[in-house]
Amino acid sequence: MEVLAIAERLESQGTSPEIVVAGPFENATIENAFQEAAGHLHAVCYAGPRYGSEKESFWDLIDVLLFPSQYSHETAPLVVHEAMAHGIPVIAWARGCLSDIVRPDSGVLVEGDQDFVAVAVACLRDWQRDPTVFAEMSNAAVRNFTKQHESFKDSLEALLSELSPETQLAPTSPGQC
């Protein structure tokens, strides 16, 4: 619902955002509440769940990932890694391990005592006014993802080597997880 509130606030400020919401709903109650709230917003499109090639093409539709997860023990959500691999800055709650993934130069983490909607709207408006800053964030997202990917790969290889000296990982490109 925070994403809808962001869309509503941006529309009320005269900005014409295009907000694409993807993924399945947790249950019918949430889906109905979303559909009802989104019904009066021009900027919101529900794309539904995306898998495989549809998921890959989804990344071409968005510039920023809004990730207001309500899960207090958020670990390392794949969607955040995927967004960053595609050069998409992330705006998320500062929960769980997200502070290890989303760096200040590649996204924004909103602290629990802050208003997620207000912070996200301010960031989006700032990035809209200064595309150079946004481009730098996008480039940093890819760099940070690549650095993390290599670090995780090195750690996994060291662990596998320790467990079984004959085990080696096949080389992967930074976009593969």
N, C-alpha and C. Protein backbone atom coordinates (compact mmCIF):
# COMPACT_ATOMS: atom_id res chain seq x y z
N MET A 1 0.82 -1.20 0.00
CA MET A 1 0.00 0.00 0.00
C MET A 1 0.86 1.26 0.00
N GLU A 2 2.12 1.13 0.48
CA GLU A 2 3.02 2.29 0.43
C GLU A 2 3.28 2.71 -1.02
N VAL A 3 3.38 1.76 -1.91
CA VAL A 3 3.63 2.08 -3.33
C VAL A 3 2.45 2.88 -3.88
N LEU A 4 1.24 2.49 -3.51
CA LEU A 4 0.06 3.24 -3.96
C LEU A 4 0.04 4.64 -3.35
N ALA A 5 0.44 4.76 -2.11
CA ALA A 5 0.50 6.08 -1.47
C ALA A 5 1.55 6.96 -2.15
N ILE A 6 2.65 6.37 -2.59
CA ILE A 6 3.67 7.11 -3.33
C ILE A 6 3.09 7.60 -4.65
N ALA A 7 2.40 6.73 -5.36
CA ALA A 7 1.77 7.12 -6.63
C ALA A 7 0.77 8.24 -6.42
N GLU A 8 -0.03 8.12 -5.38
CA GLU A 8 -1.05 9.14 -5.10
C GLU A 8 -0.40 10.49 -4.79
N ARG A 9 0.65 10.46 -3.97
CA ARG A 9 1.32 11.72 -3.62
C ARG A 9 1.98 12.35 -4.84
N LEU A 10 2.63 11.54 -5.66
CA LEU A 10 3.27 12.08 -6.86
C LEU A 10 2.23 12.66 -7.82
N GLU A 11 1.11 11.98 -7.98
CA GLU A 11 0.04 12.51 -8.84
C GLU A 11 -0.50 13.83 -8.29
N SER A 12 -0.67 13.91 -6.97
CA SER A 12 -1.19 15.14 -6.38
C SER A 12 -0.22 16.31 -6.52
N GLN A 13 1.08 16.00 -6.69
CA GLN A 13 2.10 17.03 -6.88
C GLN A 13 2.31 17.39 -8.35
N GLY A 14 1.48 16.80 -9.21
CA GLY A 14 1.56 17.12 -10.63
C GLY A 14 2.58 16.32 -11.40
N THR A 15 3.18 15.34 -10.76
CA THR A 15 4.13 14.47 -11.45
C THR A 15 3.34 13.33 -12.07
N SER A 16 3.76 12.91 -13.23
CA SER A 16 3.07 11.81 -13.92
C SER A 16 3.93 10.55 -13.89
N PRO A 17 3.95 9.87 -12.76
CA PRO A 17 4.78 8.66 -12.69
C PRO A 17 4.08 7.51 -13.42
N GLU A 18 4.86 6.54 -13.79
CA GLU A 18 4.33 5.27 -14.27
C GLU A 18 4.80 4.23 -13.27
N ILE A 19 3.88 3.70 -12.51
CA ILE A 19 4.24 2.73 -11.48
C ILE A 19 3.69 1.38 -11.87
N VAL A 20 4.61 0.43 -12.04
CA VAL A 20 4.24 -0.93 -12.43
C VAL A 20 4.45 -1.82 -11.21
N VAL A 21 3.39 -2.46 -10.79
CA VAL A 21 3.44 -3.36 -9.64
C VAL A 21 3.41 -4.78 -10.19
N ALA A 22 4.35 -5.60 -9.74
CA ALA A 22 4.42 -6.98 -10.22
C ALA A 22 4.47 -7.93 -9.04
N GLY A 23 4.17 -9.17 -9.32
CA GLY A 23 4.23 -10.22 -8.31
C GLY A 23 2.85 -10.64 -7.86
N PRO A 24 2.79 -11.80 -7.24
CA PRO A 24 1.50 -12.29 -6.75
C PRO A 24 1.10 -11.60 -5.45
N PHE A 25 -0.18 -11.61 -5.17
CA PHE A 25 -0.66 -11.09 -3.89
C PHE A 25 -0.61 -12.21 -2.86
N GLU A 26 -0.40 -11.81 -1.61
CA GLU A 26 -0.33 -12.79 -0.53
C GLU A 26 -1.66 -13.51 -0.33
N ASN A 27 -2.75 -12.76 -0.49
CA ASN A 27 -4.08 -13.36 -0.36
C ASN A 27 -5.12 -12.46 -1.04
N ALA A 28 -6.34 -12.94 -1.11
CA ALA A 28 -7.42 -12.22 -1.81
C ALA A 28 -7.77 -10.91 -1.12
N THR A 29 -7.66 -10.85 0.19
CA THR A 29 -7.97 -9.62 0.92
C THR A 29 -7.02 -8.49 0.51
N ILE A 30 -5.74 -8.81 0.43
CA ILE A 30 -4.75 -7.82 0.02
C ILE A 30 -4.96 -7.43 -1.44
N GLU A 31 -5.25 -8.42 -2.28
CA GLU A 31 -5.49 -8.13 -3.69
C GLU A 31 -6.69 -7.19 -3.86
N ASN A 32 -7.78 -7.45 -3.14
CA ASN A 32 -8.97 -6.59 -3.22
C ASN A 32 -8.67 -5.18 -2.72
N ALA A 33 -7.94 -5.07 -1.62
CA ALA A 33 -7.59 -3.74 -1.09
C ALA A 33 -6.72 -2.99 -2.09
N PHE A 34 -5.78 -3.68 -2.71
CA PHE A 34 -4.92 -3.05 -3.72
C PHE A 34 -5.76 -2.58 -4.91
N GLN A 35 -6.58 -3.45 -5.44
CA GLN A 35 -7.39 -3.10 -6.62
C GLN A 35 -8.30 -1.91 -6.33
N GLU A 36 -8.88 -1.90 -5.15
CA GLU A 36 -9.77 -0.79 -4.77
C GLU A 36 -8.99 0.52 -4.67
N ALA A 37 -7.84 0.47 -4.01
CA ALA A 37 -7.03 1.69 -3.84
C ALA A 37 -6.42 2.16 -5.16
N ALA A 38 -6.02 1.22 -6.00
CA ALA A 38 -5.39 1.57 -7.27
C ALA A 38 -6.40 2.06 -8.31
N GLY A 39 -7.66 1.76 -8.08
CA GLY A 39 -8.69 2.09 -9.06
C GLY A 39 -8.78 3.56 -9.43
N HIS A 40 -8.48 4.45 -8.51
CA HIS A 40 -8.59 5.89 -8.80
C HIS A 40 -7.25 6.53 -9.20
N LEU A 41 -6.21 5.71 -9.29
CA LEU A 41 -4.88 6.24 -9.66
C LEU A 41 -4.61 5.96 -11.13
N HIS A 42 -4.20 6.98 -11.84
CA HIS A 42 -3.91 6.83 -13.27
C HIS A 42 -2.53 6.23 -13.50
N ALA A 43 -1.65 6.39 -12.55
CA ALA A 43 -0.25 6.05 -12.74
C ALA A 43 0.08 4.59 -12.47
N VAL A 44 -0.86 3.83 -11.91
CA VAL A 44 -0.54 2.48 -11.44
C VAL A 44 -1.06 1.41 -12.40
N CYS A 45 -0.16 0.49 -12.72
CA CYS A 45 -0.51 -0.66 -13.57
C CYS A 45 -0.09 -1.91 -12.82
N TYR A 46 -1.00 -2.87 -12.70
CA TYR A 46 -0.64 -4.14 -12.08
C TYR A 46 -0.28 -5.13 -13.18
N ALA A 47 0.97 -5.55 -13.19
CA ALA A 47 1.48 -6.44 -14.24
C ALA A 47 1.30 -7.91 -13.88
N GLY A 48 1.01 -8.20 -12.61
CA GLY A 48 0.86 -9.59 -12.20
C GLY A 48 2.20 -10.26 -11.96
N PRO A 49 2.17 -11.54 -11.64
CA PRO A 49 3.42 -12.28 -11.44
C PRO A 49 4.21 -12.36 -12.74
N ARG A 50 5.52 -12.31 -12.64
CA ARG A 50 6.40 -12.39 -13.80
C ARG A 50 7.47 -13.44 -13.53
N TYR A 51 7.58 -14.38 -14.45
CA TYR A 51 8.57 -15.45 -14.32
C TYR A 51 9.30 -15.62 -15.64
N GLY A 52 10.52 -16.14 -15.58
CA GLY A 52 11.28 -16.43 -16.79
C GLY A 52 11.53 -15.19 -17.63
N SER A 53 11.24 -15.31 -18.93
CA SER A 53 11.50 -14.20 -19.86
C SER A 53 10.62 -13.00 -19.55
N GLU A 54 9.41 -13.23 -19.02
CA GLU A 54 8.55 -12.10 -18.63
C GLU A 54 9.20 -11.30 -17.51
N LYS A 55 9.85 -12.00 -16.60
CA LYS A 55 10.52 -11.32 -15.50
C LYS A 55 11.70 -10.51 -16.03
N GLU A 56 12.45 -11.09 -16.94
CA GLU A 56 13.59 -10.37 -17.52
C GLU A 56 13.13 -9.11 -18.23
N SER A 57 12.04 -9.18 -18.97
CA SER A 57 11.56 -7.99 -19.68
C SER A 57 10.94 -6.97 -18.72
N PHE A 58 10.52 -7.42 -17.54
CA PHE A 58 9.98 -6.50 -16.53
C PHE A 58 11.01 -5.45 -16.13
N TRP A 59 12.27 -5.86 -16.04
CA TRP A 59 13.31 -4.93 -15.61
C TRP A 59 13.45 -3.77 -16.58
N ASP A 60 13.10 -3.97 -17.84
CA ASP A 60 13.15 -2.87 -18.82
C ASP A 60 12.02 -1.86 -18.61
N LEU A 61 11.00 -2.23 -17.85
CA LEU A 61 9.85 -1.36 -17.62
C LEU A 61 10.05 -0.37 -16.48
N ILE A 62 10.99 -0.66 -15.59
CA ILE A 62 11.11 0.17 -14.40
C ILE A 62 12.47 0.84 -14.30
N ASP A 63 12.49 1.96 -13.59
CA ASP A 63 13.74 2.70 -13.34
C ASP A 63 14.19 2.55 -11.90
N VAL A 64 13.24 2.34 -10.99
CA VAL A 64 13.51 2.26 -9.55
C VAL A 64 12.69 1.11 -8.99
N LEU A 65 13.28 0.36 -8.05
CA LEU A 65 12.53 -0.67 -7.34
C LEU A 65 12.11 -0.11 -5.99
N LEU A 66 10.81 0.00 -5.78
CA LEU A 66 10.28 0.37 -4.46
C LEU A 66 10.03 -0.94 -3.74
N PHE A 67 10.68 -1.12 -2.60
CA PHE A 67 10.60 -2.39 -1.88
C PHE A 67 10.28 -2.13 -0.40
N PRO A 68 9.02 -1.75 -0.12
CA PRO A 68 8.64 -1.48 1.28
C PRO A 68 8.23 -2.76 2.02
N SER A 69 9.15 -3.70 2.12
CA SER A 69 8.86 -4.98 2.75
C SER A 69 8.42 -4.77 4.20
N GLN A 70 7.39 -5.48 4.59
CA GLN A 70 6.91 -5.42 5.97
C GLN A 70 7.54 -6.51 6.84
N TYR A 71 8.35 -7.36 6.23
CA TYR A 71 8.97 -8.45 6.96
C TYR A 71 10.13 -7.92 7.79
N SER A 72 10.03 -8.01 9.10
CA SER A 72 11.02 -7.39 9.98
C SER A 72 12.39 -8.06 9.92
N HIS A 73 12.46 -9.31 9.49
CA HIS A 73 13.73 -10.03 9.44
C HIS A 73 14.16 -10.25 7.98
N GLU A 74 13.95 -9.26 7.15
CA GLU A 74 14.27 -9.36 5.73
C GLU A 74 15.72 -9.79 5.58
N THR A 75 15.96 -10.81 4.79
CA THR A 75 17.32 -11.31 4.63
C THR A 75 17.94 -10.73 3.36
N ALA A 76 18.01 -11.49 2.32
CA ALA A 76 18.62 -11.04 1.07
C ALA A 76 17.64 -11.31 -0.06
N PRO A 77 16.62 -10.48 -0.20
CA PRO A 77 15.60 -10.76 -1.21
C PRO A 77 16.19 -10.75 -2.62
N LEU A 78 15.91 -11.81 -3.35
CA LEU A 78 16.42 -11.97 -4.71
C LEU A 78 16.04 -10.79 -5.59
N VAL A 79 14.83 -10.27 -5.43
CA VAL A 79 14.37 -9.18 -6.28
C VAL A 79 15.26 -7.94 -6.14
N VAL A 80 15.80 -7.69 -4.97
CA VAL A 80 16.69 -6.55 -4.76
C VAL A 80 18.01 -6.79 -5.51
N HIS A 81 18.56 -7.98 -5.40
CA HIS A 81 19.79 -8.31 -6.14
C HIS A 81 19.55 -8.20 -7.64
N GLU A 82 18.42 -8.73 -8.11
CA GLU A 82 18.12 -8.68 -9.54
C GLU A 82 17.98 -7.25 -10.04
N ALA A 83 17.31 -6.42 -9.27
CA ALA A 83 17.15 -5.02 -9.67
C ALA A 83 18.51 -4.36 -9.81
N MET A 84 19.36 -4.54 -8.82
CA MET A 84 20.68 -3.92 -8.85
C MET A 84 21.52 -4.45 -10.01
N ALA A 85 21.40 -5.73 -10.31
CA ALA A 85 22.13 -6.31 -11.44
C ALA A 85 21.72 -5.65 -12.75
N HIS A 86 20.49 -5.14 -12.79
CA HIS A 86 19.99 -4.47 -13.99
C HIS A 86 20.16 -2.95 -13.91
N GLY A 87 20.91 -2.47 -12.92
CA GLY A 87 21.17 -1.03 -12.81
C GLY A 87 19.98 -0.25 -12.27
N ILE A 88 19.17 -0.89 -11.47
CA ILE A 88 17.97 -0.26 -10.93
C ILE A 88 18.18 0.04 -9.45
N PRO A 89 18.26 1.33 -9.09
CA PRO A 89 18.38 1.69 -7.67
C PRO A 89 17.16 1.22 -6.88
N VAL A 90 17.37 0.98 -5.60
CA VAL A 90 16.34 0.43 -4.73
C VAL A 90 16.02 1.42 -3.62
N ILE A 91 14.72 1.58 -3.34
CA ILE A 91 14.27 2.31 -2.16
C ILE A 91 13.54 1.29 -1.30
N ALA A 92 14.05 1.04 -0.10
CA ALA A 92 13.51 -0.02 0.75
C ALA A 92 13.58 0.40 2.22
N TRP A 93 12.82 -0.30 3.03
CA TRP A 93 12.96 -0.14 4.47
C TRP A 93 14.33 -0.67 4.87
N ALA A 94 14.95 -0.07 5.87
CA ALA A 94 16.24 -0.53 6.41
C ALA A 94 15.95 -1.68 7.37
N ARG A 95 15.81 -2.86 6.80
CA ARG A 95 15.47 -4.05 7.60
C ARG A 95 16.44 -5.17 7.30
N GLY A 96 16.64 -6.01 8.31
CA GLY A 96 17.43 -7.21 8.12
C GLY A 96 18.76 -6.93 7.44
N CYS A 97 19.03 -7.70 6.42
CA CYS A 97 20.31 -7.62 5.70
C CYS A 97 20.31 -6.61 4.56
N LEU A 98 19.24 -5.87 4.37
CA LEU A 98 19.20 -4.94 3.25
C LEU A 98 20.31 -3.89 3.32
N SER A 99 20.73 -3.53 4.54
CA SER A 99 21.80 -2.54 4.64
C SER A 99 23.14 -3.09 4.15
N ASP A 100 23.27 -4.41 4.07
CA ASP A 100 24.47 -5.01 3.50
C ASP A 100 24.40 -5.08 1.98
N ILE A 101 23.22 -4.92 1.42
CA ILE A 101 23.02 -5.06 -0.02
C ILE A 101 22.90 -3.70 -0.69
N VAL A 102 22.03 -2.86 -0.15
CA VAL A 102 21.75 -1.54 -0.75
C VAL A 102 22.66 -0.51 -0.09
N ARG A 103 23.62 -0.04 -0.84
CA ARG A 103 24.57 0.96 -0.34
C ARG A 103 24.02 2.36 -0.61
N PRO A 104 24.46 3.36 0.13
CA PRO A 104 23.95 4.73 -0.05
C PRO A 104 24.16 5.29 -1.46
N ASP A 105 25.13 4.76 -2.19
CA ASP A 105 25.35 5.26 -3.55
C ASP A 105 24.51 4.55 -4.60
N SER A 106 23.78 3.48 -4.19
CA SER A 106 22.99 2.72 -5.16
C SER A 106 21.53 2.56 -4.77
N GLY A 107 21.11 3.29 -3.76
CA GLY A 107 19.72 3.22 -3.33
C GLY A 107 19.53 3.96 -2.02
N VAL A 108 18.33 3.84 -1.50
CA VAL A 108 17.97 4.53 -0.27
C VAL A 108 17.31 3.54 0.68
N LEU A 109 17.81 3.51 1.91
CA LEU A 109 17.18 2.71 2.96
C LEU A 109 16.49 3.65 3.92
N VAL A 110 15.22 3.40 4.15
CA VAL A 110 14.40 4.25 5.00
C VAL A 110 14.37 3.65 6.40
N GLU A 111 14.78 4.44 7.37
CA GLU A 111 14.80 3.98 8.76
C GLU A 111 13.38 3.85 9.30
N GLY A 112 13.22 3.00 10.31
CA GLY A 112 11.90 2.71 10.86
C GLY A 112 11.16 3.90 11.43
N ASP A 113 11.87 4.94 11.86
CA ASP A 113 11.20 6.12 12.43
C ASP A 113 10.89 7.17 11.36
N GLN A 114 11.17 6.86 10.11
CA GLN A 114 10.89 7.79 9.01
C GLN A 114 9.60 7.40 8.29
N ASP A 115 9.06 8.33 7.54
CA ASP A 115 7.87 8.10 6.72
C ASP A 115 8.33 7.59 5.36
N PHE A 116 8.10 6.31 5.09
CA PHE A 116 8.58 5.69 3.85
C PHE A 116 8.10 6.46 2.63
N VAL A 117 6.82 6.80 2.61
CA VAL A 117 6.24 7.48 1.46
C VAL A 117 6.92 8.83 1.23
N ALA A 118 7.08 9.61 2.29
CA ALA A 118 7.70 10.94 2.16
C ALA A 118 9.14 10.83 1.67
N VAL A 119 9.90 9.90 2.21
CA VAL A 119 11.30 9.73 1.81
C VAL A 119 11.37 9.29 0.35
N ALA A 120 10.56 8.31 -0.02
CA ALA A 120 10.58 7.81 -1.39
C ALA A 120 10.18 8.90 -2.38
N VAL A 121 9.13 9.65 -2.07
CA VAL A 121 8.68 10.72 -2.96
C VAL A 121 9.78 11.76 -3.12
N ALA A 122 10.42 12.15 -2.03
CA ALA A 122 11.50 13.14 -2.10
C ALA A 122 12.64 12.63 -2.97
N CYS A 123 13.02 11.36 -2.80
CA CYS A 123 14.10 10.79 -3.61
C CYS A 123 13.72 10.76 -5.08
N LEU A 124 12.53 10.28 -5.38
CA LEU A 124 12.09 10.19 -6.77
C LEU A 124 12.04 11.56 -7.43
N ARG A 125 11.55 12.55 -6.70
CA ARG A 125 11.51 13.91 -7.25
C ARG A 125 12.92 14.46 -7.46
N ASP A 126 13.82 14.20 -6.51
CA ASP A 126 15.21 14.66 -6.65
C ASP A 126 15.86 14.01 -7.87
N TRP A 127 15.67 12.70 -8.03
CA TRP A 127 16.26 12.00 -9.16
C TRP A 127 15.66 12.48 -10.48
N GLN A 128 14.38 12.83 -10.44
CA GLN A 128 13.73 13.34 -11.65
C GLN A 128 14.33 14.70 -12.04
N ARG A 129 14.60 15.53 -11.04
CA ARG A 129 15.18 16.85 -11.29
C ARG A 129 16.64 16.79 -11.71
N ASP A 130 17.35 15.75 -11.26
CA ASP A 130 18.78 15.65 -11.57
C ASP A 130 19.10 14.27 -12.12
N PRO A 131 18.88 14.06 -13.41
CA PRO A 131 19.13 12.75 -14.02
C PRO A 131 20.57 12.27 -13.90
N THR A 132 21.51 13.19 -13.73
CA THR A 132 22.91 12.80 -13.58
C THR A 132 23.10 12.01 -12.29
N VAL A 133 22.50 12.49 -11.21
CA VAL A 133 22.59 11.78 -9.92
C VAL A 133 21.94 10.41 -10.04
N PHE A 134 20.78 10.37 -10.72
CA PHE A 134 20.11 9.08 -10.90
C PHE A 134 20.99 8.12 -11.71
N ALA A 135 21.61 8.61 -12.77
CA ALA A 135 22.48 7.76 -13.59
C ALA A 135 23.65 7.23 -12.77
N GLU A 136 24.20 8.06 -11.89
CA GLU A 136 25.28 7.61 -11.02
C GLU A 136 24.80 6.52 -10.07
N MET A 137 23.58 6.67 -9.54
CA MET A 137 23.00 5.64 -8.66
C MET A 137 22.82 4.33 -9.43
N SER A 138 22.34 4.43 -10.64
CA SER A 138 22.12 3.26 -11.48
C SER A 138 23.43 2.53 -11.76
N ASN A 139 24.45 3.28 -12.12
CA ASN A 139 25.77 2.67 -12.36
C ASN A 139 26.34 2.04 -11.09
N ALA A 140 26.14 2.71 -9.97
CA ALA A 140 26.63 2.17 -8.69
C ALA A 140 25.89 0.90 -8.31
N ALA A 141 24.62 0.81 -8.66
CA ALA A 141 23.85 -0.41 -8.36
C ALA A 141 24.49 -1.61 -9.05
N VAL A 142 24.85 -1.45 -10.31
CA VAL A 142 25.49 -2.55 -11.04
C VAL A 142 26.85 -2.87 -10.43
N ARG A 143 27.64 -1.84 -10.15
CA ARG A 143 28.98 -2.07 -9.56
C ARG A 143 28.86 -2.79 -8.22
N ASN A 144 27.94 -2.34 -7.37
CA ASN A 144 27.78 -2.95 -6.05
C ASN A 144 27.30 -4.39 -6.17
N PHE A 145 26.36 -4.64 -7.10
CA PHE A 145 25.90 -6.02 -7.30
C PHE A 145 27.07 -6.90 -7.73
N THR A 146 27.85 -6.42 -8.70
CA THR A 146 28.97 -7.21 -9.22
C THR A 146 29.99 -7.50 -8.13
N LYS A 147 30.29 -6.50 -7.32
CA LYS A 147 31.24 -6.68 -6.22
C LYS A 147 30.70 -7.71 -5.22
N GLN A 148 29.42 -7.61 -4.87
CA GLN A 148 28.83 -8.56 -3.93
C GLN A 148 28.79 -9.97 -4.52
N HIS A 149 28.45 -10.06 -5.80
CA HIS A 149 28.39 -11.35 -6.47
C HIS A 149 29.76 -12.03 -6.42
N GLU A 150 30.81 -11.28 -6.74
CA GLU A 150 32.17 -11.84 -6.71
C GLU A 150 32.56 -12.26 -5.30
N SER A 151 32.20 -11.44 -4.32
CA SER A 151 32.53 -11.76 -2.94
C SER A 151 31.82 -13.03 -2.48
N PHE A 152 30.52 -13.14 -2.83
CA PHE A 152 29.77 -14.34 -2.46
C PHE A 152 30.34 -15.57 -3.15
N LYS A 153 30.69 -15.41 -4.42
CA LYS A 153 31.26 -16.52 -5.19
C LYS A 153 32.58 -16.96 -4.58
N ASP A 154 33.44 -16.00 -4.23
CA ASP A 154 34.72 -16.33 -3.61
C ASP A 154 34.51 -17.05 -2.28
N SER A 155 33.56 -16.58 -1.49
CA SER A 155 33.29 -17.21 -0.19
C SER A 155 32.77 -18.63 -0.38
N LEU A 156 31.90 -18.82 -1.36
CA LEU A 156 31.36 -20.15 -1.63
C LEU A 156 32.47 -21.08 -2.11
N GLU A 157 33.32 -20.60 -3.00
CA GLU A 157 34.43 -21.42 -3.49
C GLU A 157 35.36 -21.81 -2.35
N ALA A 158 35.64 -20.89 -1.44
CA ALA A 158 36.52 -21.20 -0.30
C ALA A 158 35.88 -22.25 0.59
N LEU A 159 34.58 -22.12 0.82
CA LEU A 159 33.87 -23.10 1.65
C LEU A 159 33.87 -24.47 0.99
N LEU A 160 33.56 -24.51 -0.30
CA LEU A 160 33.54 -25.79 -1.01
C LEU A 160 34.92 -26.42 -1.04
N SER A 161 35.95 -25.59 -1.21
CA SER A 161 37.32 -26.10 -1.22
C SER A 161 37.68 -26.69 0.13
N GLU A 162 37.23 -26.04 1.17
CA GLU A 162 37.50 -26.54 2.52
C GLU A 162 36.79 -27.86 2.77
N LEU A 163 35.55 -27.96 2.27
CA LEU A 163 34.77 -29.18 2.46
C LEU A 163 35.27 -30.32 1.58
N SER A 164 35.62 -29.99 0.36
CA SER A 164 36.07 -31.00 -0.58
C SER A 164 37.05 -30.35 -1.55
N PRO A 165 38.31 -30.59 -1.40
CA PRO A 165 39.31 -29.92 -2.24
C PRO A 165 39.11 -30.14 -3.74
N GLU A 166 38.41 -31.20 -4.15
CA GLU A 166 38.21 -31.46 -5.58
C GLU A 166 37.05 -30.65 -6.15
N THR A 167 36.20 -30.07 -5.30
CA THR A 167 35.01 -29.35 -5.78
C THR A 167 35.41 -27.95 -6.21
N GLN A 168 35.02 -27.60 -7.44
CA GLN A 168 35.25 -26.24 -7.93
C GLN A 168 34.01 -25.78 -8.65
N LEU A 169 33.71 -24.47 -8.54
CA LEU A 169 32.56 -23.90 -9.23
C LEU A 169 32.92 -23.57 -10.67
N ALA A 170 31.96 -23.73 -11.56
CA ALA A 170 32.14 -23.30 -12.93
C ALA A 170 32.07 -21.78 -12.97
N PRO A 171 32.82 -21.15 -13.84
CA PRO A 171 32.79 -19.68 -13.93
C PRO A 171 31.39 -19.19 -14.31
N THR A 172 31.00 -18.06 -13.74
CA THR A 172 29.71 -17.44 -14.07
C THR A 172 29.94 -15.98 -14.42
N SER A 173 29.01 -15.44 -15.17
CA SER A 173 29.07 -14.00 -15.46
C SER A 173 28.34 -13.28 -14.34
N PRO A 174 28.61 -11.98 -14.14
CA PRO A 174 28.01 -11.23 -13.03
C PRO A 174 26.49 -11.23 -13.03
N GLY A 175 25.84 -11.39 -14.17
CA GLY A 175 24.37 -11.38 -14.22
C GLY A 175 23.76 -12.70 -13.80
N GLN A 176 24.56 -13.75 -13.65
CA GLN A 176 24.04 -15.05 -13.26
C GLN A 176 24.16 -15.21 -11.76
N CYS A 177 23.14 -15.77 -11.17
CA CYS A 177 23.16 -16.03 -9.72
C CYS A 177 23.11 -17.51 -9.47
